Amino acid sequence: MAQKKWFAPIEEKTHDIGELDLPKKCLVLDDDEDFVRVMTDFLQTQNWQVHTAKSGVEGLKKIMADDFDLVICDMVMPNLPGDMFYLAVERTRPRLCRRFIFMTGHKGDPKIDAFIRRVGGLMLWKPFQMHELQMAIQSVLRKATRMEESEQTN
């Protein structure tokens, strides 16, 4: 008696769903709620998942609890200004330091200028337009990706 085949042979099938465009995570640190709202709205239209912090201390708690693809940081904030926040991140999550965009309305402040030169940071001067932010994001992410790829090959 011939045996019945209950199951068809397994055929491997693959489906090309293209590149998944998952949102990337961004942390925005600024104590100006209206400004943060505008930035958050813009970043969300660019497929970013936005987390916010009103101070460097609050930002550090978020950095310790989660990983981010980008950090946009105001230089002048209460309870830990941008430069001190950066230095704390440098000690705890150094990989994130290449993913910072700094911003300030204090153009010409020698302390801020010296800090940005020392860390090789990218600065946006407030007020800025959203296309300037988009160009800064692309620049920072390209640079960070190149550095990470270079580290992996060495």
C-alpha atoms as a PDB file:
ATOM      1  CA  MET A   1       0.000   0.000   0.000  1.00  0.00           C
ATOM      2  CA  ALA A   2       1.390   3.335  -1.025  1.00  0.00           C
ATOM      3  CA  GLN A   3       1.876   5.889   1.689  1.00  0.00           C
ATOM      4  CA  LYS A   4       0.009   9.135   1.405  1.00  0.00           C
ATOM      5  CA  LYS A   5       1.959  12.306   1.425  1.00  0.00           C
ATOM      6  CA  TRP A   6       0.429  14.586   3.994  1.00  0.00           C
ATOM      7  CA  PHE A   7       2.712  17.521   3.441  1.00  0.00           C
ATOM      8  CA  ALA A   8       4.081  19.076   0.329  1.00  0.00           C
ATOM      9  CA  PRO A   9       7.831  19.422   0.178  1.00  0.00           C
ATOM     10  CA  ILE A  10       9.021  22.573   1.865  1.00  0.00           C
ATOM     11  CA  GLU A  11       9.978  25.263  -0.576  1.00  0.00           C
ATOM     12  CA  GLU A  12      11.977  28.167   0.646  1.00  0.00           C
ATOM     13  CA  LYS A  13      10.381  31.431  -0.276  1.00  0.00           C
ATOM     14  CA  THR A  14      11.783  34.845   0.286  1.00  0.00           C
ATOM     15  CA  HIS A  15       9.964  38.072  -0.070  1.00  0.00           C
ATOM     16  CA  ASP A  16      11.811  41.249  -0.794  1.00  0.00           C
ATOM     17  CA  ILE A  17      10.197  43.918   1.322  1.00  0.00           C
ATOM     18  CA  GLY A  18      12.821  46.498   0.508  1.00  0.00           C
ATOM     19  CA  GLU A  19      14.742  48.450   3.054  1.00  0.00           C
ATOM     20  CA  LEU A  20      12.745  48.955   6.192  1.00  0.00           C
ATOM     21  CA  ASP A  21      12.582  52.633   6.974  1.00  0.00           C
ATOM     22  CA  LEU A  22      12.466  52.337  10.732  1.00  0.00           C
ATOM     23  CA  PRO A  23      12.557  55.547  12.721  1.00  0.00           C
ATOM     24  CA  LYS A  24      15.862  56.446  14.253  1.00  0.00           C
ATOM     25  CA  LYS A  25      16.064  57.774  17.800  1.00  0.00           C
ATOM     26  CA  CYS A  26      17.004  61.366  18.480  1.00  0.00           C
ATOM     27  CA  LEU A  27      17.455  63.100  21.816  1.00  0.00           C
ATOM     28  CA  VAL A  28      16.791  66.852  21.782  1.00  0.00           C
ATOM     29  CA  LEU A  29      18.027  68.826  24.791  1.00  0.00           C
ATOM     30  CA  ASP A  30      16.686  72.350  25.141  1.00  0.00           C
ATOM     31  CA  ASP A  31      14.782  74.194  27.861  1.00  0.00           C
ATOM     32  CA  ASP A  32      12.679  76.248  25.388  1.00  0.00           C
ATOM     33  CA  GLU A  33       9.456  74.239  25.081  1.00  0.00           C
ATOM     34  CA  ASP A  34       8.165  76.072  21.992  1.00  0.00           C
ATOM     35  CA  PHE A  35      11.456  75.560  20.171  1.00  0.00           C
ATOM     36  CA  VAL A  36      11.520  71.885  21.139  1.00  0.00           C
ATOM     37  CA  ARG A  37       7.964  71.451  19.836  1.00  0.00           C
ATOM     38  CA  VAL A  38       8.893  72.915  16.438  1.00  0.00           C
ATOM     39  CA  MET A  39      12.012  70.736  16.212  1.00  0.00           C
ATOM     40  CA  THR A  40      10.093  67.634  17.293  1.00  0.00           C
ATOM     41  CA  ASP A  41       7.398  68.213  14.669  1.00  0.00           C
ATOM     42  CA  PHE A  42      10.022  68.633  11.953  1.00  0.00           C
ATOM     43  CA  LEU A  43      12.096  65.628  13.022  1.00  0.00           C
ATOM     44  CA  GLN A  44       9.029  63.411  13.147  1.00  0.00           C
ATOM     45  CA  THR A  45       8.256  64.321   9.522  1.00  0.00           C
ATOM     46  CA  GLN A  46      11.775  63.048   8.765  1.00  0.00           C
ATOM     47  CA  ASN A  47      10.965  59.686  10.413  1.00  0.00           C
ATOM     48  CA  TRP A  48      12.790  60.352  13.690  1.00  0.00           C
ATOM     49  CA  GLN A  49      11.547  59.069  17.019  1.00  0.00           C
ATOM     50  CA  VAL A  50      12.151  62.116  19.210  1.00  0.00           C
ATOM     51  CA  HIS A  51      12.899  62.109  22.922  1.00  0.00           C
ATOM     52  CA  THR A  52      13.342  65.395  24.743  1.00  0.00           C
ATOM     53  CA  ALA A  53      15.048  66.693  27.858  1.00  0.00           C
ATOM     54  CA  LYS A  54      14.878  70.174  29.412  1.00  0.00           C
ATOM     55  CA  SER A  55      18.281  69.960  31.098  1.00  0.00           C
ATOM     56  CA  GLY A  56      21.564  68.143  30.879  1.00  0.00           C
ATOM     57  CA  VAL A  57      20.743  66.167  34.024  1.00  0.00           C
ATOM     58  CA  GLU A  58      17.478  64.924  32.505  1.00  0.00           C
ATOM     59  CA  GLY A  59      19.346  64.199  29.264  1.00  0.00           C
ATOM     60  CA  LEU A  60      21.943  62.097  31.084  1.00  0.00           C
ATOM     61  CA  LYS A  61      19.224  59.964  32.625  1.00  0.00           C
ATOM     62  CA  LYS A  62      17.833  59.312  29.146  1.00  0.00           C
ATOM     63  CA  ILE A  63      21.295  58.567  27.713  1.00  0.00           C
ATOM     64  CA  MET A  64      21.878  56.026  30.474  1.00  0.00           C
ATOM     65  CA  ALA A  65      18.516  54.344  29.857  1.00  0.00           C
ATOM     66  CA  ASP A  66      18.496  54.205  26.050  1.00  0.00           C
ATOM     67  CA  ASP A  67      20.642  54.436  22.943  1.00  0.00           C
ATOM     68  CA  PHE A  68      20.312  57.239  20.398  1.00  0.00           C
ATOM     69  CA  ASP A  69      21.321  57.715  16.789  1.00  0.00           C
ATOM     70  CA  LEU A  70      21.557  61.487  17.176  1.00  0.00           C
ATOM     71  CA  VAL A  71      21.816  64.037  19.987  1.00  0.00           C
ATOM     72  CA  ILE A  72      20.851  67.676  19.393  1.00  0.00           C
ATOM     73  CA  CYS A  73      22.029  69.699  22.354  1.00  0.00           C
ATOM     74  CA  ASP A  74      21.586  73.326  23.368  1.00  0.00           C
ATOM     75  CA  MET A  75      24.702  74.816  24.915  1.00  0.00           C
ATOM     76  CA  VAL A  76      22.935  76.927  27.549  1.00  0.00           C
ATOM     77  CA  MET A  77      20.604  74.934  29.808  1.00  0.00           C
ATOM     78  CA  PRO A  78      19.847  74.787  33.507  1.00  0.00           C
ATOM     79  CA  ASN A  79      21.276  71.999  35.658  1.00  0.00           C
ATOM     80  CA  LEU A  80      24.208  71.033  33.423  1.00  0.00           C
ATOM     81  CA  PRO A  81      24.956  73.076  30.305  1.00  0.00           C
ATOM     82  CA  GLY A  82      25.699  71.510  26.923  1.00  0.00           C
ATOM     83  CA  ASP A  83      29.470  71.315  27.295  1.00  0.00           C
ATOM     84  CA  MET A  84      29.238  69.586  30.683  1.00  0.00           C
ATOM     85  CA  PHE A  85      26.541  67.254  29.341  1.00  0.00           C
ATOM     86  CA  TYR A  86      28.817  66.311  26.434  1.00  0.00           C
ATOM     87  CA  LEU A  87      31.734  65.595  28.779  1.00  0.00           C
ATOM     88  CA  ALA A  88      29.501  63.355  30.918  1.00  0.00           C
ATOM     89  CA  VAL A  89      28.333  61.477  27.805  1.00  0.00           C
ATOM     90  CA  GLU A  90      31.963  61.164  26.724  1.00  0.00           C
ATOM     91  CA  ARG A  91      32.684  59.255  29.957  1.00  0.00           C
ATOM     92  CA  THR A  92      29.583  57.048  29.884  1.00  0.00           C
ATOM     93  CA  ARG A  93      28.710  56.545  26.184  1.00  0.00           C
ATOM     94  CA  PRO A  94      31.694  57.787  24.138  1.00  0.00           C
ATOM     95  CA  ARG A  95      30.287  56.372  20.874  1.00  0.00           C
ATOM     96  CA  LEU A  96      27.484  58.942  21.020  1.00  0.00           C
ATOM     97  CA  CYS A  97      29.907  61.876  21.033  1.00  0.00           C
ATOM     98  CA  ARG A  98      30.341  61.649  17.267  1.00  0.00           C
ATOM     99  CA  ARG A  99      26.561  61.964  16.864  1.00  0.00           C
ATOM    100  CA  PHE A 100      26.123  65.404  18.483  1.00  0.00           C
ATOM    101  CA  ILE A 101      24.794  68.578  16.933  1.00  0.00           C
ATOM    102  CA  PHE A 102      25.175  71.597  19.197  1.00  0.00           C
ATOM    103  CA  MET A 103      23.052  74.729  19.021  1.00  0.00           C
ATOM    104  CA  THR A 104      23.040  78.086  20.733  1.00  0.00           C
ATOM    105  CA  GLY A 105      21.795  81.634  20.459  1.00  0.00           C
ATOM    106  CA  HIS A 106      25.007  82.910  22.099  1.00  0.00           C
ATOM    107  CA  LYS A 107      27.071  83.539  18.990  1.00  0.00           C
ATOM    108  CA  GLY A 108      30.568  84.758  19.719  1.00  0.00           C
ATOM    109  CA  ASP A 109      30.763  83.382  23.269  1.00  0.00           C
ATOM    110  CA  PRO A 110      34.478  82.559  23.643  1.00  0.00           C
ATOM    111  CA  LYS A 111      33.869  79.669  26.053  1.00  0.00           C
ATOM    112  CA  ILE A 112      31.383  78.003  23.677  1.00  0.00           C
ATOM    113  CA  ASP A 113      33.613  78.668  20.646  1.00  0.00           C
ATOM    114  CA  ALA A 114      36.630  77.130  22.385  1.00  0.00           C
ATOM    115  CA  PHE A 115      34.635  74.064  23.422  1.00  0.00           C
ATOM    116  CA  ILE A 116      33.280  73.466  19.897  1.00  0.00           C
ATOM    117  CA  ARG A 117      36.781  73.783  18.406  1.00  0.00           C
ATOM    118  CA  ARG A 118      38.222  71.423  21.020  1.00  0.00           C
ATOM    119  CA  VAL A 119      35.671  68.651  20.412  1.00  0.00           C
ATOM    120  CA  GLY A 120      35.354  69.253  16.655  1.00  0.00           C
ATOM    121  CA  GLY A 121      31.619  69.754  17.068  1.00  0.00           C
ATOM    122  CA  LEU A 122      29.040  70.956  14.604  1.00  0.00           C
ATOM    123  CA  MET A 123      27.197  74.096  15.749  1.00  0.00           C
ATOM    124  CA  LEU A 124      23.889  75.561  14.596  1.00  0.00           C
ATOM    125  CA  TRP A 125      23.328  79.197  15.521  1.00  0.00           C
ATOM    126  CA  LYS A 126      19.808  80.035  16.655  1.00  0.00           C
ATOM    127  CA  PRO A 127      17.624  80.961  14.979  1.00  0.00           C
ATOM    128  CA  PHE A 128      18.207  78.497  12.157  1.00  0.00           C
ATOM    129  CA  GLN A 129      15.982  77.046   9.467  1.00  0.00           C
ATOM    130  CA  MET A 130      14.928  73.411   9.361  1.00  0.00           C
ATOM    131  CA  HIS A 131      16.798  72.750   6.111  1.00  0.00           C
ATOM    132  CA  GLU A 132      19.983  73.772   7.955  1.00  0.00           C
ATOM    133  CA  LEU A 133      19.161  71.229  10.652  1.00  0.00           C
ATOM    134  CA  GLN A 134      18.554  68.565   7.998  1.00  0.00           C
ATOM    135  CA  MET A 135      21.940  69.281   6.378  1.00  0.00           C
ATOM    136  CA  ALA A 136      23.642  69.141   9.794  1.00  0.00           C
ATOM    137  CA  ILE A 137      21.991  65.787  10.555  1.00  0.00           C
ATOM    138  CA  GLN A 138      23.141  64.319   7.242  1.00  0.00           C
ATOM    139  CA  SER A 139      26.676  65.589   7.808  1.00  0.00           C
ATOM    140  CA  VAL A 140      26.934  64.248  11.366  1.00  0.00           C
ATOM    141  CA  LEU A 141      25.482  60.848  10.471  1.00  0.00           C
ATOM    142  CA  ARG A 142      27.777  60.452   7.426  1.00  0.00           C
ATOM    143  CA  LYS A 143      30.815  61.338   9.514  1.00  0.00           C
ATOM    144  CA  ALA A 144      29.792  59.008  12.362  1.00  0.00           C
ATOM    145  CA  THR A 145      29.126  56.130   9.959  1.00  0.00           C
ATOM    146  CA  ARG A 146      32.514  56.575   8.258  1.00  0.00           C
ATOM    147  CA  MET A 147      34.293  56.620  11.619  1.00  0.00           C
ATOM    148  CA  GLU A 148      32.469  53.517  12.842  1.00  0.00           C
ATOM    149  CA  GLU A 149      33.165  51.619   9.595  1.00  0.00           C
ATOM    150  CA  SER A 150      36.830  52.597   9.818  1.00  0.00           C
ATOM    151  CA  GLU A 151      37.029  51.321  13.406  1.00  0.00           C
ATOM    152  CA  GLN A 152      35.466  47.992  12.404  1.00  0.00           C
ATOM    153  CA  THR A 153      38.038  47.392   9.658  1.00  0.00           C
ATOM    154  CA  ASN A 154      40.991  48.155  11.936  1.00  0.00           C
END
